[in-house]
N, C-alpha and C. Protein backbone atom coordinates (compact mmCIF):
# COMPACT_ATOMS: atom_id res chain seq x y z
N MET A 1 0.87 -1.18 0.06
CA MET A 1 0.04 0.17 0.02
C MET A 1 0.98 1.27 0.05
N THR A 2 0.58 2.16 -0.67
CA THR A 2 1.41 3.42 -0.82
C THR A 2 0.79 4.44 0.10
N ALA A 3 1.59 5.37 0.34
CA ALA A 3 1.14 6.58 1.19
C ALA A 3 0.24 7.40 0.44
N SER A 4 0.16 7.24 -0.92
CA SER A 4 -0.62 8.12 -1.75
C SER A 4 -1.98 7.54 -1.82
N MET A 5 -2.46 6.49 -1.12
CA MET A 5 -3.68 5.90 -1.25
C MET A 5 -4.69 6.98 -0.62
N THR A 6 -5.66 7.23 -1.39
CA THR A 6 -6.68 8.20 -0.89
C THR A 6 -7.72 7.34 -0.07
N PRO A 7 -7.87 7.67 1.33
CA PRO A 7 -8.91 6.94 2.06
C PRO A 7 -10.23 7.04 1.39
N LYS A 8 -10.98 6.03 1.83
CA LYS A 8 -12.37 6.11 1.36
C LYS A 8 -13.18 7.21 2.29
N THR A 9 -14.18 7.68 1.61
CA THR A 9 -15.06 8.73 2.23
C THR A 9 -16.14 8.10 3.00
N ARG A 10 -16.89 8.71 3.67
CA ARG A 10 -18.07 8.21 4.39
C ARG A 10 -19.05 7.81 3.29
N ALA A 11 -19.22 8.42 2.19
CA ALA A 11 -20.13 8.10 1.07
C ALA A 11 -19.71 6.69 0.51
N GLU A 12 -18.42 6.59 0.28
CA GLU A 12 -17.88 5.42 -0.38
C GLU A 12 -17.99 4.16 0.59
N LEU A 13 -17.93 4.42 1.96
CA LEU A 13 -18.19 3.45 2.93
C LEU A 13 -19.62 3.03 2.91
N LEU A 14 -20.47 3.89 2.88
CA LEU A 14 -21.91 3.48 2.94
C LEU A 14 -22.36 2.82 1.69
N ALA A 15 -21.75 3.31 0.52
CA ALA A 15 -22.04 2.60 -0.79
C ALA A 15 -21.54 1.12 -0.74
N TYR A 16 -20.28 0.97 -0.10
CA TYR A 16 -19.77 -0.32 -0.14
C TYR A 16 -20.69 -1.27 0.97
N LEU A 17 -21.18 -0.68 2.04
CA LEU A 17 -22.18 -1.38 2.87
C LEU A 17 -23.39 -1.86 2.03
N ALA A 18 -23.87 -0.84 1.28
CA ALA A 18 -25.10 -1.13 0.66
C ALA A 18 -24.85 -2.22 -0.49
N GLY A 19 -23.70 -2.15 -1.01
CA GLY A 19 -23.34 -3.22 -2.10
C GLY A 19 -23.17 -4.66 -1.53
N LEU A 20 -22.95 -4.63 -0.21
CA LEU A 20 -22.95 -6.02 0.53
C LEU A 20 -24.38 -6.32 1.00
N GLY A 21 -25.25 -5.57 0.78
CA GLY A 21 -26.72 -5.80 1.20
C GLY A 21 -26.78 -5.50 2.70
N ILE A 22 -26.05 -4.60 3.35
CA ILE A 22 -26.12 -4.37 4.71
C ILE A 22 -26.71 -3.01 4.85
N SER A 23 -27.79 -3.05 5.72
CA SER A 23 -28.54 -1.79 5.99
C SER A 23 -28.10 -1.23 7.23
N VAL A 24 -27.67 0.07 7.20
CA VAL A 24 -27.25 0.88 8.39
C VAL A 24 -28.07 2.07 8.52
N THR A 25 -27.98 2.72 9.71
CA THR A 25 -28.47 4.01 9.96
C THR A 25 -27.48 4.82 10.39
N THR A 26 -27.27 6.13 9.77
CA THR A 26 -26.18 7.10 10.32
C THR A 26 -26.82 8.25 10.65
N HIS A 27 -26.36 8.80 11.96
CA HIS A 27 -26.73 9.97 12.61
C HIS A 27 -25.76 10.96 12.46
N ASP A 28 -25.97 12.19 11.83
CA ASP A 28 -25.00 13.31 11.80
C ASP A 28 -25.00 14.05 13.15
N HIS A 29 -23.88 14.50 13.62
CA HIS A 29 -23.82 15.18 14.84
C HIS A 29 -22.52 16.09 14.84
N PRO A 30 -22.29 17.06 15.81
CA PRO A 30 -21.06 17.78 15.80
C PRO A 30 -19.94 16.73 15.90
N PRO A 31 -18.60 17.19 15.62
CA PRO A 31 -17.53 16.27 15.81
C PRO A 31 -17.40 15.88 17.22
N LEU A 32 -17.17 14.64 17.49
CA LEU A 32 -16.88 13.98 18.70
C LEU A 32 -15.47 13.44 18.84
N TYR A 33 -14.82 13.86 19.90
CA TYR A 33 -13.40 13.38 19.98
C TYR A 33 -13.23 12.40 21.07
N THR A 34 -14.22 12.31 22.04
CA THR A 34 -14.00 11.38 23.26
C THR A 34 -15.29 10.69 23.46
N VAL A 35 -15.04 9.77 24.51
CA VAL A 35 -16.32 9.00 24.84
C VAL A 35 -17.22 9.99 25.53
N ALA A 36 -16.73 10.83 26.37
CA ALA A 36 -17.49 11.81 27.08
C ALA A 36 -18.43 12.60 26.13
N ASP A 37 -17.82 13.02 24.94
CA ASP A 37 -18.56 13.85 23.97
C ASP A 37 -19.82 12.95 23.41
N SER A 38 -19.38 11.69 23.24
CA SER A 38 -20.34 10.84 22.50
C SER A 38 -21.31 10.72 23.54
N GLN A 39 -21.14 10.55 24.80
CA GLN A 39 -22.28 10.22 25.82
C GLN A 39 -23.36 11.41 25.72
N ALA A 40 -22.92 12.59 25.31
CA ALA A 40 -23.80 13.67 25.28
C ALA A 40 -24.99 13.19 24.32
N LEU A 41 -24.75 12.26 23.46
CA LEU A 41 -25.73 11.86 22.48
C LEU A 41 -26.61 10.70 22.99
N ARG A 42 -26.34 10.30 23.98
CA ARG A 42 -26.94 8.93 24.47
C ARG A 42 -28.34 8.77 24.18
N GLY A 43 -29.12 9.76 24.40
CA GLY A 43 -30.66 9.52 24.14
C GLY A 43 -31.16 9.21 22.89
N THR A 44 -30.15 9.52 21.83
CA THR A 44 -30.71 9.40 20.42
C THR A 44 -30.18 8.05 19.62
N ILE A 45 -29.21 7.47 20.26
CA ILE A 45 -28.68 6.31 19.44
C ILE A 45 -28.58 5.19 20.43
N SER A 46 -29.26 4.03 20.14
CA SER A 46 -29.24 2.86 20.91
C SER A 46 -28.45 1.91 20.51
N GLY A 47 -27.94 0.90 21.38
CA GLY A 47 -26.95 -0.10 21.05
C GLY A 47 -25.66 0.20 21.63
N GLY A 48 -24.72 -0.68 21.22
CA GLY A 48 -23.44 -0.57 21.86
C GLY A 48 -22.48 0.45 21.23
N HIS A 49 -21.97 1.28 21.96
CA HIS A 49 -21.00 2.37 21.46
C HIS A 49 -19.68 1.92 21.60
N THR A 50 -18.78 2.15 20.60
CA THR A 50 -17.50 1.59 20.50
C THR A 50 -16.42 2.72 20.97
N LYS A 51 -15.35 2.03 21.55
CA LYS A 51 -14.17 2.78 21.89
C LYS A 51 -13.04 1.92 21.07
N ASN A 52 -12.22 2.56 20.38
CA ASN A 52 -11.19 1.88 19.59
C ASN A 52 -9.88 2.13 19.85
N LEU A 53 -8.95 1.17 20.11
CA LEU A 53 -7.73 1.31 20.52
C LEU A 53 -6.89 0.81 19.37
N PHE A 54 -5.96 1.83 18.73
CA PHE A 54 -5.19 1.37 17.61
C PHE A 54 -3.73 1.21 18.20
N LEU A 55 -3.27 0.03 18.14
CA LEU A 55 -2.12 -0.51 18.93
C LEU A 55 -1.12 -1.10 17.99
N LYS A 56 0.15 -1.05 18.37
CA LYS A 56 1.26 -1.78 17.71
C LYS A 56 2.22 -2.37 18.82
N ASP A 57 2.83 -3.46 18.20
CA ASP A 57 3.78 -4.09 19.12
C ASP A 57 5.25 -3.73 18.44
N LYS A 58 6.26 -4.30 19.10
CA LYS A 58 7.63 -3.90 18.74
C LYS A 58 8.02 -4.35 17.42
N LYS A 59 7.34 -5.36 16.83
CA LYS A 59 7.52 -5.80 15.44
C LYS A 59 6.75 -5.17 14.45
N ASP A 60 6.19 -4.11 14.77
CA ASP A 60 5.17 -3.37 13.85
C ASP A 60 4.08 -4.10 13.40
N ASN A 61 3.54 -5.07 14.19
CA ASN A 61 2.17 -5.58 13.90
C ASN A 61 1.17 -4.58 14.54
N PHE A 62 0.21 -4.43 13.77
CA PHE A 62 -0.83 -3.30 14.10
C PHE A 62 -2.11 -4.15 14.54
N PHE A 63 -2.79 -3.58 15.54
CA PHE A 63 -3.97 -4.18 16.05
C PHE A 63 -5.05 -2.98 16.18
N LEU A 64 -6.29 -3.26 15.91
CA LEU A 64 -7.37 -2.45 16.19
C LEU A 64 -8.24 -3.22 17.31
N VAL A 65 -8.30 -2.74 18.37
CA VAL A 65 -9.12 -3.34 19.43
C VAL A 65 -10.37 -2.61 19.77
N THR A 66 -11.56 -3.15 19.43
CA THR A 66 -12.77 -2.45 19.53
C THR A 66 -13.47 -3.00 20.78
N VAL A 67 -13.88 -2.08 21.54
CA VAL A 67 -14.51 -2.50 22.93
C VAL A 67 -15.68 -1.51 23.15
N ASP A 68 -16.52 -1.82 24.16
CA ASP A 68 -17.62 -0.97 24.49
C ASP A 68 -17.00 0.35 25.02
N GLU A 69 -17.61 1.53 24.84
CA GLU A 69 -17.00 2.63 25.24
C GLU A 69 -16.69 2.76 26.76
N GLU A 70 -17.42 1.97 27.55
CA GLU A 70 -17.24 2.07 29.10
C GLU A 70 -16.16 1.03 29.46
N ALA A 71 -15.82 0.19 28.51
CA ALA A 71 -14.92 -0.99 28.96
C ALA A 71 -13.49 -0.39 29.42
N SER A 72 -12.98 -1.07 30.42
CA SER A 72 -11.63 -0.84 30.74
C SER A 72 -10.79 -2.06 30.25
N VAL A 73 -9.61 -1.65 29.69
CA VAL A 73 -8.66 -2.54 29.09
C VAL A 73 -7.33 -2.33 29.67
N ASP A 74 -6.73 -3.49 30.13
CA ASP A 74 -5.40 -3.47 30.79
C ASP A 74 -4.43 -3.49 29.60
N LEU A 75 -3.80 -2.27 29.37
CA LEU A 75 -2.87 -2.22 28.24
C LEU A 75 -1.46 -2.97 28.51
N LYS A 76 -1.31 -3.14 29.88
CA LYS A 76 -0.07 -3.83 30.13
C LYS A 76 -0.22 -5.43 29.84
N GLN A 77 -1.34 -5.87 29.87
CA GLN A 77 -1.56 -7.31 29.66
C GLN A 77 -2.15 -7.61 28.30
N ILE A 78 -2.78 -6.78 27.69
CA ILE A 78 -3.68 -7.09 26.54
C ILE A 78 -2.85 -7.75 25.38
N HIS A 79 -1.39 -7.52 25.36
CA HIS A 79 -0.66 -8.24 24.22
C HIS A 79 -0.76 -9.78 24.35
N GLN A 80 -0.91 -10.35 25.70
CA GLN A 80 -0.96 -11.68 25.77
C GLN A 80 -2.26 -12.29 25.20
N LEU A 81 -3.35 -11.41 25.23
CA LEU A 81 -4.56 -11.86 24.67
C LEU A 81 -4.75 -11.75 23.18
N ILE A 82 -4.21 -10.64 22.59
CA ILE A 82 -4.35 -10.46 21.11
C ILE A 82 -3.26 -11.11 20.28
N GLY A 83 -2.20 -11.73 20.93
CA GLY A 83 -1.24 -12.25 20.08
C GLY A 83 -0.15 -11.36 19.57
N ALA A 84 0.14 -10.25 20.37
CA ALA A 84 1.22 -9.44 19.96
C ALA A 84 2.44 -10.03 20.42
N SER A 85 3.63 -9.59 19.75
CA SER A 85 4.89 -10.13 20.05
C SER A 85 5.57 -9.48 21.31
N SER A 86 4.97 -8.49 21.73
CA SER A 86 5.50 -7.70 22.89
C SER A 86 4.46 -6.86 23.53
N ARG A 87 4.72 -6.17 24.59
CA ARG A 87 3.80 -5.20 24.96
C ARG A 87 3.48 -4.16 23.87
N VAL A 88 2.29 -3.58 23.93
CA VAL A 88 1.73 -2.74 22.81
C VAL A 88 1.84 -1.21 23.34
N SER A 89 1.95 -0.43 22.26
CA SER A 89 1.81 1.03 22.53
C SER A 89 0.63 1.49 21.49
N PHE A 90 0.34 2.73 21.67
CA PHE A 90 -0.70 3.28 20.66
C PHE A 90 0.12 3.62 19.38
N GLY A 91 -0.42 3.15 18.25
CA GLY A 91 0.10 3.43 16.95
C GLY A 91 0.03 4.99 16.69
N LYS A 92 1.07 5.41 15.85
CA LYS A 92 1.10 6.85 15.63
C LYS A 92 0.16 7.21 14.62
N PRO A 93 -0.09 8.64 14.65
CA PRO A 93 -1.29 9.02 13.76
C PRO A 93 -0.81 8.79 12.37
N GLU A 94 0.35 8.79 12.03
CA GLU A 94 0.87 8.62 10.57
C GLU A 94 0.27 7.17 10.09
N ALA A 95 0.64 6.20 10.99
CA ALA A 95 0.29 4.88 10.64
C ALA A 95 -1.20 4.68 10.65
N LEU A 96 -1.88 5.32 11.47
CA LEU A 96 -3.43 5.25 11.56
C LEU A 96 -3.90 5.77 10.26
N MET A 97 -3.36 6.79 9.80
CA MET A 97 -3.92 7.28 8.49
C MET A 97 -3.54 6.36 7.36
N GLU A 98 -2.19 5.86 7.32
CA GLU A 98 -1.73 5.06 6.26
C GLU A 98 -2.62 3.69 6.21
N LEU A 99 -2.89 3.22 7.40
CA LEU A 99 -3.52 1.85 7.35
C LEU A 99 -5.08 1.87 7.42
N LEU A 100 -5.65 2.82 8.33
CA LEU A 100 -7.07 2.87 8.39
C LEU A 100 -7.70 4.11 7.71
N GLY A 101 -6.96 4.95 7.24
CA GLY A 101 -7.51 6.22 6.59
C GLY A 101 -8.35 7.16 7.50
N VAL A 102 -7.91 7.13 8.77
CA VAL A 102 -8.65 8.07 9.68
C VAL A 102 -7.60 8.82 10.54
N VAL A 103 -8.19 9.77 11.17
CA VAL A 103 -7.33 10.60 12.16
C VAL A 103 -7.66 10.14 13.51
N PRO A 104 -6.82 10.58 14.48
CA PRO A 104 -7.18 10.35 15.92
C PRO A 104 -8.45 11.03 16.25
N GLY A 105 -9.30 10.33 17.02
CA GLY A 105 -10.57 10.95 17.22
C GLY A 105 -11.74 10.41 16.35
N ALA A 106 -11.23 9.75 15.29
CA ALA A 106 -12.28 9.16 14.38
C ALA A 106 -11.97 7.70 14.02
N VAL A 107 -11.09 7.06 14.95
CA VAL A 107 -10.78 5.69 14.73
C VAL A 107 -11.94 4.78 14.84
N THR A 108 -12.11 3.85 13.96
CA THR A 108 -13.41 3.15 13.80
C THR A 108 -13.02 1.77 13.13
N VAL A 109 -13.98 0.81 13.38
CA VAL A 109 -13.76 -0.52 12.80
C VAL A 109 -14.06 -0.35 11.40
N PHE A 110 -14.73 0.63 10.98
CA PHE A 110 -15.09 0.83 9.53
C PHE A 110 -13.76 1.25 8.71
N GLY A 111 -12.72 1.64 9.46
CA GLY A 111 -11.45 1.87 8.87
C GLY A 111 -10.82 0.84 8.13
N LEU A 112 -11.28 -0.43 8.35
CA LEU A 112 -10.77 -1.67 7.85
C LEU A 112 -10.99 -1.53 6.38
N ILE A 113 -11.96 -0.83 5.77
CA ILE A 113 -12.18 -0.76 4.41
C ILE A 113 -10.98 -0.13 3.73
N ASN A 114 -10.16 0.62 4.44
CA ASN A 114 -8.90 1.09 3.87
C ASN A 114 -7.84 0.41 4.01
N ASP A 115 -7.68 -0.62 4.84
CA ASP A 115 -6.53 -1.57 5.06
C ASP A 115 -6.47 -2.58 4.07
N THR A 116 -6.23 -2.28 2.80
CA THR A 116 -6.39 -3.33 1.61
C THR A 116 -5.41 -4.33 1.71
N SER A 117 -4.31 -4.15 2.45
CA SER A 117 -3.32 -5.32 2.64
C SER A 117 -3.54 -6.03 3.92
N ALA A 118 -4.60 -5.72 4.63
CA ALA A 118 -4.89 -6.60 5.86
C ALA A 118 -3.76 -6.52 6.80
N ARG A 119 -3.02 -5.41 7.06
CA ARG A 119 -2.01 -5.25 8.06
C ARG A 119 -2.48 -5.24 9.37
N VAL A 120 -3.69 -4.73 9.61
CA VAL A 120 -4.16 -4.55 10.91
C VAL A 120 -5.11 -5.74 11.37
N LYS A 121 -4.73 -6.25 12.62
CA LYS A 121 -5.49 -7.35 13.09
C LYS A 121 -6.63 -6.77 13.95
N LEU A 122 -7.90 -7.04 13.59
CA LEU A 122 -9.00 -6.61 14.52
C LEU A 122 -9.32 -7.61 15.71
N VAL A 123 -9.56 -6.95 16.68
CA VAL A 123 -10.09 -7.82 17.80
C VAL A 123 -11.36 -7.21 18.33
N LEU A 124 -12.39 -7.75 18.33
CA LEU A 124 -13.76 -7.22 18.84
C LEU A 124 -13.87 -7.86 20.29
N ASP A 125 -14.22 -6.95 21.21
CA ASP A 125 -14.38 -7.54 22.54
C ASP A 125 -15.80 -8.28 22.65
N SER A 126 -15.69 -9.42 23.21
CA SER A 126 -17.04 -10.24 23.30
C SER A 126 -18.09 -9.56 24.00
N ALA A 127 -17.80 -8.76 25.01
CA ALA A 127 -18.89 -8.02 25.64
C ALA A 127 -19.52 -6.98 24.81
N LEU A 128 -18.82 -6.29 23.87
CA LEU A 128 -19.41 -5.41 22.87
C LEU A 128 -20.28 -6.19 22.04
N MET A 129 -19.89 -7.39 21.47
CA MET A 129 -20.46 -8.07 20.51
C MET A 129 -21.93 -8.69 20.96
N GLU A 130 -22.06 -8.61 22.39
CA GLU A 130 -23.38 -8.98 22.92
C GLU A 130 -24.50 -8.13 22.53
N ASN A 131 -24.16 -6.82 22.11
CA ASN A 131 -25.20 -5.99 21.65
C ASN A 131 -25.74 -6.28 20.33
N ALA A 132 -27.04 -6.24 20.11
CA ALA A 132 -27.53 -6.46 18.71
C ALA A 132 -27.05 -5.49 17.65
N VAL A 133 -26.98 -4.31 18.22
CA VAL A 133 -26.55 -3.12 17.32
C VAL A 133 -25.26 -2.49 17.75
N ILE A 134 -24.43 -2.36 16.91
CA ILE A 134 -23.03 -1.59 17.36
C ILE A 134 -23.00 -0.31 16.55
N ASN A 135 -22.48 0.65 17.32
CA ASN A 135 -22.41 1.99 16.65
C ASN A 135 -20.89 2.37 16.58
N ALA A 136 -20.56 2.96 15.40
CA ALA A 136 -19.10 3.35 15.22
C ALA A 136 -19.27 4.61 14.17
N HIS A 137 -18.16 5.19 14.12
CA HIS A 137 -17.94 6.36 13.18
C HIS A 137 -17.78 5.90 11.82
N PRO A 138 -18.46 6.40 10.87
CA PRO A 138 -18.33 6.19 9.45
C PRO A 138 -17.12 6.85 8.71
N LEU A 139 -15.99 6.64 9.31
CA LEU A 139 -14.67 7.32 8.84
C LEU A 139 -14.55 8.81 9.23
N THR A 140 -15.55 9.22 9.91
CA THR A 140 -15.56 10.63 10.33
C THR A 140 -16.20 10.73 11.60
N ASN A 141 -15.71 11.63 12.60
CA ASN A 141 -16.34 11.73 13.93
C ASN A 141 -17.54 12.76 14.01
N GLU A 142 -18.02 13.09 12.69
CA GLU A 142 -19.14 13.80 12.71
C GLU A 142 -20.46 13.21 12.34
N ALA A 143 -20.36 11.81 12.52
CA ALA A 143 -21.50 11.01 12.39
C ALA A 143 -21.22 9.74 13.17
N THR A 144 -22.45 8.99 13.43
CA THR A 144 -22.33 7.72 14.10
C THR A 144 -23.22 6.75 13.07
N THR A 145 -22.77 5.60 12.73
CA THR A 145 -23.45 4.51 11.96
C THR A 145 -23.70 3.38 12.95
N SER A 146 -24.99 3.08 12.94
CA SER A 146 -25.55 1.88 13.61
C SER A 146 -25.67 0.68 12.70
N ILE A 147 -25.02 -0.41 13.02
CA ILE A 147 -25.00 -1.73 12.19
C ILE A 147 -25.32 -2.86 13.07
N ALA A 148 -26.01 -3.85 12.50
CA ALA A 148 -26.30 -5.11 13.32
C ALA A 148 -25.03 -5.69 13.46
N ASN A 149 -24.85 -6.33 14.62
CA ASN A 149 -23.57 -7.20 14.91
C ASN A 149 -23.38 -8.25 13.94
N ALA A 150 -24.28 -8.96 13.39
CA ALA A 150 -23.79 -9.90 12.31
C ALA A 150 -23.40 -9.32 11.04
N ASP A 151 -24.03 -8.21 10.93
CA ASP A 151 -23.63 -7.42 9.57
C ASP A 151 -22.25 -6.72 9.74
N LEU A 152 -21.94 -6.27 10.99
CA LEU A 152 -20.63 -5.82 11.22
C LEU A 152 -19.58 -6.89 10.93
N LEU A 153 -19.80 -8.19 11.30
CA LEU A 153 -18.88 -9.30 11.04
C LEU A 153 -18.81 -9.57 9.57
N ARG A 154 -20.00 -9.31 8.81
CA ARG A 154 -19.82 -9.57 7.28
C ARG A 154 -19.03 -8.44 6.73
N PHE A 155 -19.19 -7.32 7.23
CA PHE A 155 -18.39 -6.13 6.58
C PHE A 155 -16.83 -6.49 6.84
N VAL A 156 -16.48 -6.89 8.05
CA VAL A 156 -15.05 -7.13 8.46
C VAL A 156 -14.46 -8.19 7.57
N GLU A 157 -15.27 -9.36 7.33
CA GLU A 157 -14.84 -10.42 6.43
C GLU A 157 -14.80 -10.01 4.95
N ALA A 158 -15.71 -9.09 4.51
CA ALA A 158 -15.63 -8.55 3.14
C ALA A 158 -14.35 -7.79 2.83
N THR A 159 -13.78 -7.06 3.89
CA THR A 159 -12.62 -6.36 3.84
C THR A 159 -11.35 -7.21 3.80
N GLY A 160 -11.53 -8.44 3.94
CA GLY A 160 -10.44 -9.47 4.04
C GLY A 160 -9.74 -9.67 5.38
N HIS A 161 -10.39 -9.30 6.44
CA HIS A 161 -10.06 -9.29 7.73
C HIS A 161 -10.65 -10.54 8.50
N ASP A 162 -10.12 -11.06 9.56
CA ASP A 162 -10.71 -11.95 10.27
C ASP A 162 -11.32 -11.09 11.46
N ALA A 163 -12.65 -11.51 11.70
CA ALA A 163 -13.35 -10.90 12.86
C ALA A 163 -12.92 -11.78 14.17
N VAL A 164 -11.94 -11.34 14.93
CA VAL A 164 -11.54 -12.23 16.03
C VAL A 164 -12.24 -11.46 17.29
N ILE A 165 -13.08 -12.42 17.85
CA ILE A 165 -13.86 -11.95 19.13
C ILE A 165 -13.21 -12.59 20.40
N LEU A 166 -12.81 -11.66 21.21
CA LEU A 166 -12.12 -12.16 22.40
C LEU A 166 -12.70 -11.38 23.65
N LYS A 167 -12.45 -11.94 24.79
CA LYS A 167 -12.79 -11.04 25.96
C LYS A 167 -11.58 -10.32 26.28
N VAL A 168 -11.51 -8.90 26.00
CA VAL A 168 -10.28 -8.19 26.31
C VAL A 168 -10.57 -7.12 27.30
N SER A 169 -11.87 -6.81 27.73
CA SER A 169 -12.19 -5.86 28.66
C SER A 169 -12.35 -6.43 30.16
N GLY A 170 -12.07 -5.55 31.06
CA GLY A 170 -12.12 -5.93 32.43
C GLY A 170 -13.56 -5.83 32.97
């Protein structure tokens, strides 16, 4: 993948989902940068709301760990759960843009559409996946897209990624 790759837009993502026969609902809102910002919307959007950790190990293996917004994750131990070669740190914004096509504050499972060489390993927290509906940013933090959990798995697999579901939250 080259650094000159143009990330997909929200419209391209929604068209891709429609092409897979996946129906979603997208709500526009002011830009949200934190879980606290997102919780201000709580009355309008039901389902599980995501928090995304873009992580890397010392061998430059990248991981996207998607958990419920309220979940606590032990970053000192998570490498043992997700198959990292070492303790993990947060991936740099440049790697985030190169691999998932998003900026910090807009990290989302939908970014996998931009990871055409499948360099990022996705880990979905089992507690999050108990929700019938999962909510994530559609490549921009100015909207939230609601998708059925089974359809989220279909999307992940359609992008060439494995949907690994593990208990990673405490």
